[in-house]
Every structure is written in C-alpha cells, then in structure tokens.
Protein backbone atom coordinates (compact mmCIF):
# COMPACT_ATOMS: atom_id res chain seq x y z
CA MET A 1 -5.38 5.23 29.75
CA ASN A 2 -7.11 6.74 26.90
CA LYS A 3 -5.11 7.36 23.71
CA LYS A 4 -5.37 10.35 21.30
CA THR A 5 -6.74 8.99 17.99
CA ILE A 6 -7.08 10.93 14.83
CA PHE A 7 -9.13 10.48 12.23
CA SER A 8 -8.45 12.14 9.02
CA ILE A 9 -11.34 13.44 6.89
CA CYS A 10 -9.93 13.14 3.38
CA ALA A 11 -11.94 15.18 1.19
CA ALA A 12 -12.18 18.00 3.79
CA GLY A 13 -8.98 19.00 5.51
CA LEU A 14 -10.78 18.41 8.69
CA ILE A 15 -9.50 15.94 11.42
CA LEU A 16 -11.67 14.54 14.29
CA VAL A 17 -9.45 14.66 17.22
CA SER A 18 -10.92 12.59 19.90
CA GLY A 19 -9.55 11.78 23.45
CA MET A 20 -10.76 8.47 23.27
CA ALA A 21 -9.67 5.14 22.00
CA LEU A 22 -11.75 3.55 19.51
CA SER A 23 -10.29 0.14 19.95
CA GLY A 24 -13.87 -1.83 19.56
CA CYS A 25 -14.24 -2.41 23.26
CA GLN A 26 -17.88 -3.44 23.42
CA ASN A 27 -18.55 -2.75 27.68
CA SER A 28 -21.03 -0.24 28.06
CA ASP A 29 -22.79 1.59 31.48
CA GLY A 30 -25.98 0.26 30.65
CA PRO A 31 -28.51 -0.26 27.83
CA GLY A 32 -28.33 2.28 24.95
CA LEU A 33 -25.37 4.23 26.64
CA LEU A 34 -21.68 3.73 25.74
CA THR A 35 -18.83 4.66 27.83
CA PRO A 36 -16.45 7.36 26.37
CA GLU A 37 -14.16 4.86 25.28
CA THR A 38 -16.50 3.08 23.03
CA PRO A 39 -18.67 5.25 20.55
CA LEU A 40 -20.59 3.21 18.23
CA SER A 41 -19.45 3.99 14.54
CA ARG A 42 -20.16 3.07 10.81
CA SER A 43 -18.20 3.92 7.73
CA ASP A 44 -19.02 3.22 4.03
CA PHE A 45 -17.99 4.69 0.80
CA LEU A 46 -21.22 6.77 -0.40
CA LEU A 47 -22.07 9.83 -2.14
CA ASN A 48 -18.60 9.65 -3.89
CA THR A 49 -16.58 10.03 -0.49
CA PHE A 50 -16.03 8.36 2.84
CA VAL A 51 -19.03 8.75 5.13
CA THR A 52 -18.71 7.71 8.91
CA ILE A 53 -21.20 8.34 11.46
CA THR A 54 -20.35 7.88 15.03
CA LEU A 55 -22.90 7.90 18.08
CA TYR A 56 -21.56 8.68 21.78
CA ASP A 57 -24.83 7.97 23.44
CA SER A 58 -26.42 4.94 22.07
CA ASP A 59 -25.52 1.35 21.18
CA ASP A 60 -28.19 0.93 19.14
CA SER A 61 -26.87 -0.16 15.60
CA SER A 62 -30.01 0.22 13.97
CA ILE A 63 -29.75 3.65 13.96
CA LEU A 64 -26.62 3.52 12.11
CA ASP A 65 -28.28 1.08 9.45
CA ASP A 66 -30.90 3.80 9.15
CA SER A 67 -28.43 6.65 8.78
CA MET A 68 -26.46 4.60 5.96
CA ALA A 69 -29.78 3.67 4.32
CA LEU A 70 -30.82 7.45 4.11
CA CYS A 71 -27.36 8.31 2.77
CA LYS A 72 -28.11 5.61 0.06
CA GLU A 73 -31.50 7.13 -0.73
CA TYR A 74 -30.02 10.50 -1.17
CA GLU A 75 -27.26 9.30 -3.50
CA ASN A 76 -30.09 8.02 -5.74
CA ILE A 77 -31.51 11.66 -5.98
CA PHE A 78 -28.71 13.83 -6.22
CA SER A 79 -25.90 11.71 -8.04
CA LYS A 80 -25.16 13.24 -11.42
CA THR A 81 -23.52 9.81 -12.45
CA LEU A 82 -25.70 7.12 -11.16
CA GLU A 83 -28.27 6.31 -14.04
CA THR A 84 -30.88 5.33 -11.57
CA SER A 85 -30.77 8.96 -9.71
CA GLU A 86 -33.14 11.47 -10.18
CA LEU A 87 -30.68 14.08 -11.10
CA TYR A 88 -29.30 11.83 -13.67
CA GLN A 89 -32.80 11.63 -15.05
CA ILE A 90 -33.30 15.37 -15.02
CA ASN A 91 -30.05 16.04 -16.98
CA HIS A 92 -31.00 13.34 -19.58
CA ARG A 93 -34.66 15.03 -19.82
CA THR A 94 -36.57 14.74 -22.93
CA THR A 95 -38.95 17.76 -22.04
CA ASP A 96 -38.09 21.39 -20.78
CA THR A 97 -40.32 20.95 -17.57
CA VAL A 98 -40.02 18.17 -15.38
CA THR A 99 -41.76 17.20 -12.13
CA VAL A 100 -39.06 16.92 -9.01
CA SER A 101 -39.38 15.22 -5.61
CA ASP A 102 -39.39 17.33 -2.51
CA ASP A 103 -35.93 16.98 -1.58
CA MET A 104 -34.67 17.68 -5.02
CA ALA A 105 -36.76 20.83 -4.94
CA ALA A 106 -35.56 21.97 -1.64
CA LEU A 107 -31.78 21.49 -2.54
CA LEU A 108 -32.48 23.47 -5.96
CA SER A 109 -34.11 26.27 -4.23
CA LYS A 110 -31.26 26.51 -1.74
CA GLY A 111 -28.51 26.30 -4.66
CA LEU A 112 -30.35 28.93 -6.91
CA GLU A 113 -30.32 31.25 -3.61
CA TYR A 114 -26.66 30.92 -3.31
CA CYS A 115 -26.40 31.37 -7.24
CA GLU A 116 -28.24 34.55 -6.72
CA LYS A 117 -26.17 35.91 -4.09
CA SER A 118 -22.81 34.92 -5.36
CA GLY A 119 -23.91 36.71 -8.54
CA GLY A 120 -22.89 33.29 -10.47
CA ALA A 121 -19.44 32.71 -8.75
CA PHE A 122 -21.21 29.66 -7.37
CA ASP A 123 -23.56 27.94 -9.91
CA ILE A 124 -25.35 24.58 -9.90
CA THR A 125 -25.38 24.52 -13.68
CA ILE A 126 -21.80 24.35 -14.06
CA GLU A 127 -22.27 20.64 -14.84
CA PRO A 128 -21.06 21.05 -18.69
CA LEU A 129 -17.55 22.49 -17.11
CA SER A 130 -17.29 20.17 -14.33
CA SER A 131 -17.75 17.04 -16.40
CA LEU A 132 -15.00 18.02 -18.46
CA TRP A 133 -12.72 17.50 -15.29
CA ASN A 134 -11.56 14.65 -13.44
CA PHE A 135 -9.59 15.17 -10.25
CA THR A 136 -9.99 11.37 -9.01
CA SER A 137 -8.66 9.44 -11.84
CA GLY A 138 -5.12 9.90 -10.75
CA GLU A 139 -4.23 11.13 -14.27
CA ALA A 140 -3.20 14.62 -14.60
CA VAL A 141 -5.01 15.96 -17.73
CA ILE A 142 -6.27 19.42 -18.60
CA PRO A 143 -9.29 19.51 -20.81
CA ASP A 144 -9.04 20.98 -24.46
CA ALA A 145 -9.41 24.69 -24.24
CA ALA A 146 -11.87 24.51 -27.13
CA ASP A 147 -14.28 22.21 -25.17
CA ILE A 148 -13.87 24.47 -22.20
CA GLU A 149 -14.67 27.44 -24.19
CA ALA A 150 -17.83 25.61 -25.97
CA ASP A 151 -19.22 24.89 -22.66
CA ILE A 152 -18.79 28.09 -20.68
CA PRO A 153 -21.95 29.69 -22.40
CA LYS A 154 -23.84 26.46 -21.35
CA VAL A 155 -23.60 27.55 -17.41
CA ASP A 156 -26.01 29.90 -16.43
CA TYR A 157 -28.37 29.36 -13.54
CA HIS A 158 -30.90 31.79 -15.01
CA ASN A 159 -31.87 29.24 -17.32
CA LEU A 160 -33.42 27.31 -14.16
CA VAL A 161 -36.99 28.39 -13.15
CA LEU A 162 -38.33 26.50 -10.22
CA SER A 163 -41.86 26.64 -8.90
CA GLY A 164 -42.89 24.24 -6.17
CA ASN A 165 -41.97 20.95 -7.60
CA THR A 166 -41.97 22.09 -11.26
CA LEU A 167 -38.44 22.74 -12.61
CA THR A 168 -38.36 24.34 -16.33
CA PHE A 169 -35.10 24.48 -18.30
CA LEU A 170 -35.05 27.61 -20.51
CA SER A 171 -31.96 26.06 -22.44
CA PRO A 172 -31.53 22.27 -23.58
CA ASP A 173 -28.02 22.76 -22.75
CA THR A 174 -28.49 23.36 -19.27
CA THR A 175 -27.46 20.40 -16.78
CA ILE A 176 -27.18 20.57 -12.96
CA ASP A 177 -24.20 19.59 -10.63
CA LEU A 178 -25.22 19.44 -7.14
CA GLY A 179 -21.77 18.12 -5.51
CA SER A 180 -21.02 21.19 -3.86
CA ILE A 181 -24.26 21.56 -1.74
CA ALA A 182 -25.69 18.15 -1.61
CA LYS A 183 -23.51 16.85 1.12
CA GLY A 184 -24.54 19.49 3.72
CA TYR A 185 -28.04 19.11 2.95
CA ILE A 186 -27.91 15.18 3.75
CA ALA A 187 -26.22 15.93 6.59
CA ASP A 188 -28.63 18.05 8.03
CA ARG A 189 -31.33 15.43 7.17
CA ILE A 190 -29.38 12.94 9.02
CA LYS A 191 -28.95 15.13 11.91
CA ASP A 192 -32.91 15.20 12.06
CA GLN A 193 -33.14 11.54 11.75
CA LEU A 194 -30.65 11.09 14.90
CA LEU A 195 -32.49 13.52 17.02
CA ASP A 196 -35.78 11.81 16.32
CA ALA A 197 -34.21 8.37 16.92
CA GLY A 198 -33.35 9.97 20.63
CA VAL A 199 -29.45 10.75 19.76
CA LYS A 200 -28.37 13.60 21.61
CA SER A 201 -24.44 13.13 20.81
CA ALA A 202 -23.03 12.25 17.57
CA ILE A 203 -20.78 13.22 14.75
CA ILE A 204 -21.86 12.87 11.09
CA ASN A 205 -18.86 13.27 8.58
CA LEU A 206 -19.71 13.19 4.96
CA GLY A 207 -16.21 13.51 3.54
CA GLY A 208 -15.75 17.28 4.46
CA ASN A 209 -18.96 18.08 5.90
CA VAL A 210 -18.70 17.52 9.67
CA LEU A 211 -21.78 17.86 11.88
CA CYS A 212 -21.66 17.58 15.47
CA VAL A 213 -24.78 16.78 17.06
CA GLY A 214 -24.85 18.16 20.36
CA GLU A 215 -21.91 17.82 22.58
CA LYS A 216 -20.06 14.70 24.29
CA PRO A 217 -21.70 12.57 26.89
CA ASP A 218 -19.50 14.16 29.42
CA GLY A 219 -20.72 17.42 28.31
CA SER A 220 -17.25 18.56 26.73
CA LYS A 221 -16.78 19.87 23.30
CA PHE A 222 -16.01 17.75 20.32
CA HIS A 223 -12.50 18.39 19.09
CA ILE A 224 -12.13 19.16 15.57
CA GLY A 225 -8.49 19.58 13.82
CA LEU A 226 -7.91 21.62 10.57
CA GLN A 227 -5.44 19.77 8.26
CA LYS A 228 -2.36 21.74 7.18
CA PRO A 229 -2.79 21.83 3.50
CA PHE A 230 -0.17 19.76 1.43
CA ALA A 231 0.76 18.02 4.33
CA ASP A 232 0.13 14.70 6.18
CA ARG A 233 -3.53 13.96 6.88
CA ASP A 234 -2.93 13.89 10.53
CA GLU A 235 -0.89 17.22 10.67
CA THR A 236 -3.14 20.06 11.96
CA PHE A 237 -2.55 23.63 12.52
CA GLU A 238 -5.73 24.41 14.61
CA VAL A 239 -7.94 22.45 16.70
CA LEU A 240 -11.39 24.04 17.53
CA GLY A 241 -13.81 23.03 20.16
CA ILE A 242 -17.32 22.29 18.72
CA ASP A 243 -21.01 21.47 20.02
CA ASP A 244 -24.10 21.30 17.81
CA LEU A 245 -22.32 22.89 14.85
CA SER A 246 -21.14 22.20 11.44
CA VAL A 247 -17.53 22.54 10.45
CA VAL A 248 -16.89 22.44 6.70
CA THR A 249 -13.62 23.06 5.06
CA SER A 250 -12.74 23.47 1.38
CA GLY A 251 -9.44 23.85 -0.34
CA VAL A 252 -7.15 23.37 -3.28
CA TYR A 253 -5.00 20.44 -1.92
CA GLU A 254 -7.16 16.97 -2.00
CA ARG A 255 -8.99 16.84 -5.23
CA HIS A 256 -6.28 18.21 -7.20
CA PHE A 257 -3.37 17.54 -9.79
CA GLU A 258 -0.28 19.47 -10.98
CA VAL A 259 0.93 20.19 -14.28
CA ASP A 260 4.22 21.93 -15.21
CA GLY A 261 4.19 23.11 -11.72
CA LYS A 262 0.76 24.61 -11.45
CA ASN A 263 -1.87 23.19 -9.20
CA TYR A 264 -5.55 22.48 -10.72
CA HIS A 265 -8.27 21.75 -8.17
CA HIS A 266 -11.81 20.98 -8.18
CA ILE A 267 -13.06 24.58 -7.31
CA LEU A 268 -13.80 25.61 -10.82
CA ASN A 269 -15.03 29.21 -11.75
CA PRO A 270 -17.81 29.27 -13.90
CA ALA A 271 -16.68 32.48 -15.79
CA THR A 272 -13.44 30.62 -17.04
CA GLY A 273 -14.00 26.86 -16.89
CA TYR A 274 -10.84 26.67 -14.99
CA PRO A 275 -9.93 26.39 -11.35
CA TYR A 276 -10.18 29.76 -9.34
CA ASP A 277 -6.54 30.78 -9.02
CA ASN A 278 -6.50 33.82 -6.33
CA GLY A 279 -4.21 32.78 -3.85
CA LEU A 280 -6.71 31.17 -1.18
CA ILE A 281 -5.72 27.64 -0.46
CA SER A 282 -8.27 26.56 2.19
CA VAL A 283 -11.43 28.31 4.06
CA THR A 284 -13.15 26.87 6.95
CA ILE A 285 -16.57 27.99 7.89
CA LEU A 286 -18.82 27.32 11.04
CA SER A 287 -22.55 27.41 10.82
CA GLU A 288 -25.60 25.91 12.73
CA GLU A 289 -26.65 23.91 9.51
CA SER A 290 -24.30 21.99 7.28
CA VAL A 291 -26.05 23.11 3.91
CA THR A 292 -25.57 26.66 4.87
CA VAL A 293 -21.88 26.41 4.78
CA SER A 294 -21.34 24.06 1.26
CA PRO A 295 -21.24 26.89 -1.06
CA PRO A 296 -19.47 29.66 0.90
CA PRO A 297 -15.89 28.69 0.17
CA ALA A 298 -16.86 28.74 -3.68
CA PHE A 299 -18.22 32.04 -2.75
CA LEU A 300 -15.07 33.42 -1.52
CA SER A 301 -12.91 32.02 -4.49
CA ASP A 302 -12.90 35.56 -6.07
CA LEU A 303 -12.77 38.05 -3.14
CA LYS A 304 -10.93 40.34 -5.33
CA LYS A 305 -14.09 41.16 -7.08
CA ASP A 306 -16.37 43.84 -5.97
CA TRP A 307 -19.26 41.75 -5.01
CA SER A 308 -21.14 41.15 -1.54
CA LEU A 309 -22.39 38.07 0.11
CA GLN A 310 -25.47 40.03 0.98
CA ILE A 311 -25.73 38.49 4.49
CA PRO A 312 -28.83 40.22 6.22
CA SER A 313 -28.13 42.40 9.20
CA THR A 314 -30.87 40.98 11.08
CA GLY A 315 -31.67 37.42 12.18
CA SER A 316 -34.13 36.71 9.82
CA MET A 317 -32.02 34.04 7.79
CA HIS A 318 -30.38 32.31 10.76
CA ALA A 319 -29.19 29.71 7.94
CA LEU A 320 -26.84 32.46 6.70
CA SER A 321 -25.42 33.40 9.94
CA MET A 322 -21.90 31.85 10.04
CA ARG A 323 -18.36 32.27 10.80
CA ILE A 324 -15.39 32.34 8.69
CA ILE A 325 -12.68 31.06 10.81
CA THR A 326 -9.55 30.65 8.68
CA PHE A 327 -8.06 31.61 5.57
CA ILE A 328 -4.93 30.22 4.27
CA ILE A 329 -3.07 32.13 1.55
CA ARG A 330 -0.08 30.99 -0.37
CA THR A 331 2.55 33.55 1.59
CA GLY A 332 1.98 31.48 4.97
CA TRP A 333 -0.59 30.01 7.40
CA LYS A 334 -2.76 32.87 8.53
CA THR A 335 -5.81 32.31 10.96
CA LEU A 336 -8.66 34.79 10.55
CA SER A 337 -11.07 35.23 13.59
CA LEU A 338 -14.49 36.76 13.43
CA ASN A 339 -15.93 35.03 16.42
CA ASN A 340 -17.44 38.28 17.56
CA ASP A 341 -19.52 38.98 14.49
CA PRO A 342 -21.34 36.15 12.95
CA ARG A 343 -22.46 38.39 10.01
CA LEU A 344 -19.95 39.16 6.98
CA SER A 345 -19.54 41.38 4.26
CA ALA A 346 -17.28 41.42 1.18
CA SER A 347 -15.84 44.67 2.38
CA GLY A 348 -15.28 43.26 5.69
CA ILE A 349 -13.59 40.13 4.35
CA ARG A 350 -11.23 42.20 2.01
CA ARG A 351 -10.34 44.23 4.83
CA HIS A 352 -9.59 41.34 6.79
CA CYS A 353 -7.76 39.57 3.95
CA SER A 354 -5.71 42.73 3.55
CA LEU A 355 -4.58 42.77 7.13
CA ILE A 356 -3.12 39.06 6.54
CA GLY A 357 -1.60 39.93 3.44
CA TYR A 358 -4.09 38.55 0.59
C-alpha cells in the first residue's frame, strides 16, 4: 500500500507531495527503470541550501553523481562567499575590467535584463547591502542605520557594463550578489544535463527552485504543495499538478527574524536597504525555465509603485511567459489565478490585488 510522503523544501515554501513511498526499496522493473515506489534520489547541502535531485525513470546513480558535481562547479562560479569562486574574485578585483566565463556572462546578462525591466526594484549589485544582513545565523541583529545609509549609493546596476565576456565596473564600490537568480539558472542547466543523459522524468529541487522534468512515468503530473507561511513545514494551502514546469515561491517567512514584533526578511529593497514592507507574504510563479522566475518575487515586492513588468504581448520572449498563481497577503490566505493569461502587466496585477484586498 502506497504511503503519502511529504518532503518540505525548506527555503521555498514548496512541498513535493508524492503518492509513493520512498522507503529505499531497490527493486526495479528492469535495467534503468524504477518502479513508482522507488525513485532514485540524492541530497546534499550545496549553493547554501539543500539540494535534492530525484530520478523517476532511471536507476543510474552516476547521473546523480554528475548532477551534484555540476552543482559544485556552479557553486565555484556564483558563490559570493567562497574565496575560490569566480564571483568572489570579481568582487575583489584589482582592475575595472574583468573577463568572465560563459556561464557568468549568461547569468549577468539575464540579471541585468531583470534589473532594467524592474527599474531597479531587482538589482544584482545589492551585495553591499545584502552583506550587512544575516538571516541564517539565528541572531536577530538589525544592521546599523548609518552603515545601511552609507551603502545605498553603492547599489546601482548601471555601474555594470557587459559586452560579451568582458565586464566593466564604472564604480570601485560596485559588488555583485547573484543569490536571487543563480539557483534558477543552475536548475535549468541540470535539467539540460538530465535530458542529455536520457532522463525524461525527474524533479530538481534547489532549495526553493523546483523544476519538474517531464511527468511521472505513468503519465500523471507531479504534485507540488505550497507551504502555508508561518506554519509547520508539511502544512499546505494549495497543491499543484505540474509537468515539465518550474515552480518557485519566494516569501518572508523562511529566512527572517523578528525584533520588537516586526518581521525582517531577506527580500531587500535596494532603495532603502531594508526588507520590503508592503503586505505581501508569499508569491509563487510557474514558468518553463527556472531562471525566468527567480527574480519576479522581488519585482512584485513593491506593487504599489507605478512601474510595469514589461512583459511582451508576443511570444518573442518565451522565457518571460509565466503565471503568478498565488499572492498571500497579511489580511488572509488568498489565491490569485491567472491561468488563462500567461502574460502579466503591472496594471493587471494591481487590479487583481485590489480584488483580493491588497
């Protein structure tokens, strides 16, 4: 008899709800094919989060070895704290111009695109501010206001000029933090790797970025539960049927602390240096590519401002074809469904937000 097993995705507010027992049974229907009860899974702490990759149609553990190795490779590119990483070296550069790897150039290009589209609400040069805050130490410490004020002028994506693999800094104070977008890019690359290895059914979970490869071997959809904020990790308020899509949730209830009854979380406003405070608790977005949905929760952090997401009306940029499926606001649990229209505009978002009391 199958048991329902729930896996909490700690940093994301997403829960994989599986109608199969993952008790470690090793029987298979034949070479390279697992029964629904025995998917092959591997977990590790990488990219400053818990990484889990699960294969549903292959028992080749070397594929998981390669996937985890790829994660480590990217950690050595995009980590801002690992002293051997490419990004660390960029942030501690001695010249104004540096040559970057192809992966770094690709992610910087995507990041700068989102910076521009958000009008700076999302900014990959937020590192001077993000380095002042620590949401993982277990200590509730608000940075000194003078330090925040001094670092705000250092945050400006216009001080980055990317041309091919050449990155030029217009200010010596500019440093980069790719934490909000790197996991999405890495998830997409792992999916490419799995597809190249012949995998057609898998789930990639990079601590908040969940990317489903295909569907279950029996043709059914994967079930992804949305975690109820500020509740037990296995408590959901919505379960989604997903196949071959990315599901990303960003919220104010995981990496956070409270001081004098006020919640301080990791989604920082580049203009103020403090966490956004606009009533949004959680945003979940679906997309074909995981890197596509990494920044939008930050985009949506200040919906009351009159700016547009600039999502095109044509399909010329399919990477921006996405659906915001839920907003959670302080006044209660509300679900916003835009399933019939994959294109969004700021006015449309504000209209729907007003309908649910935002």
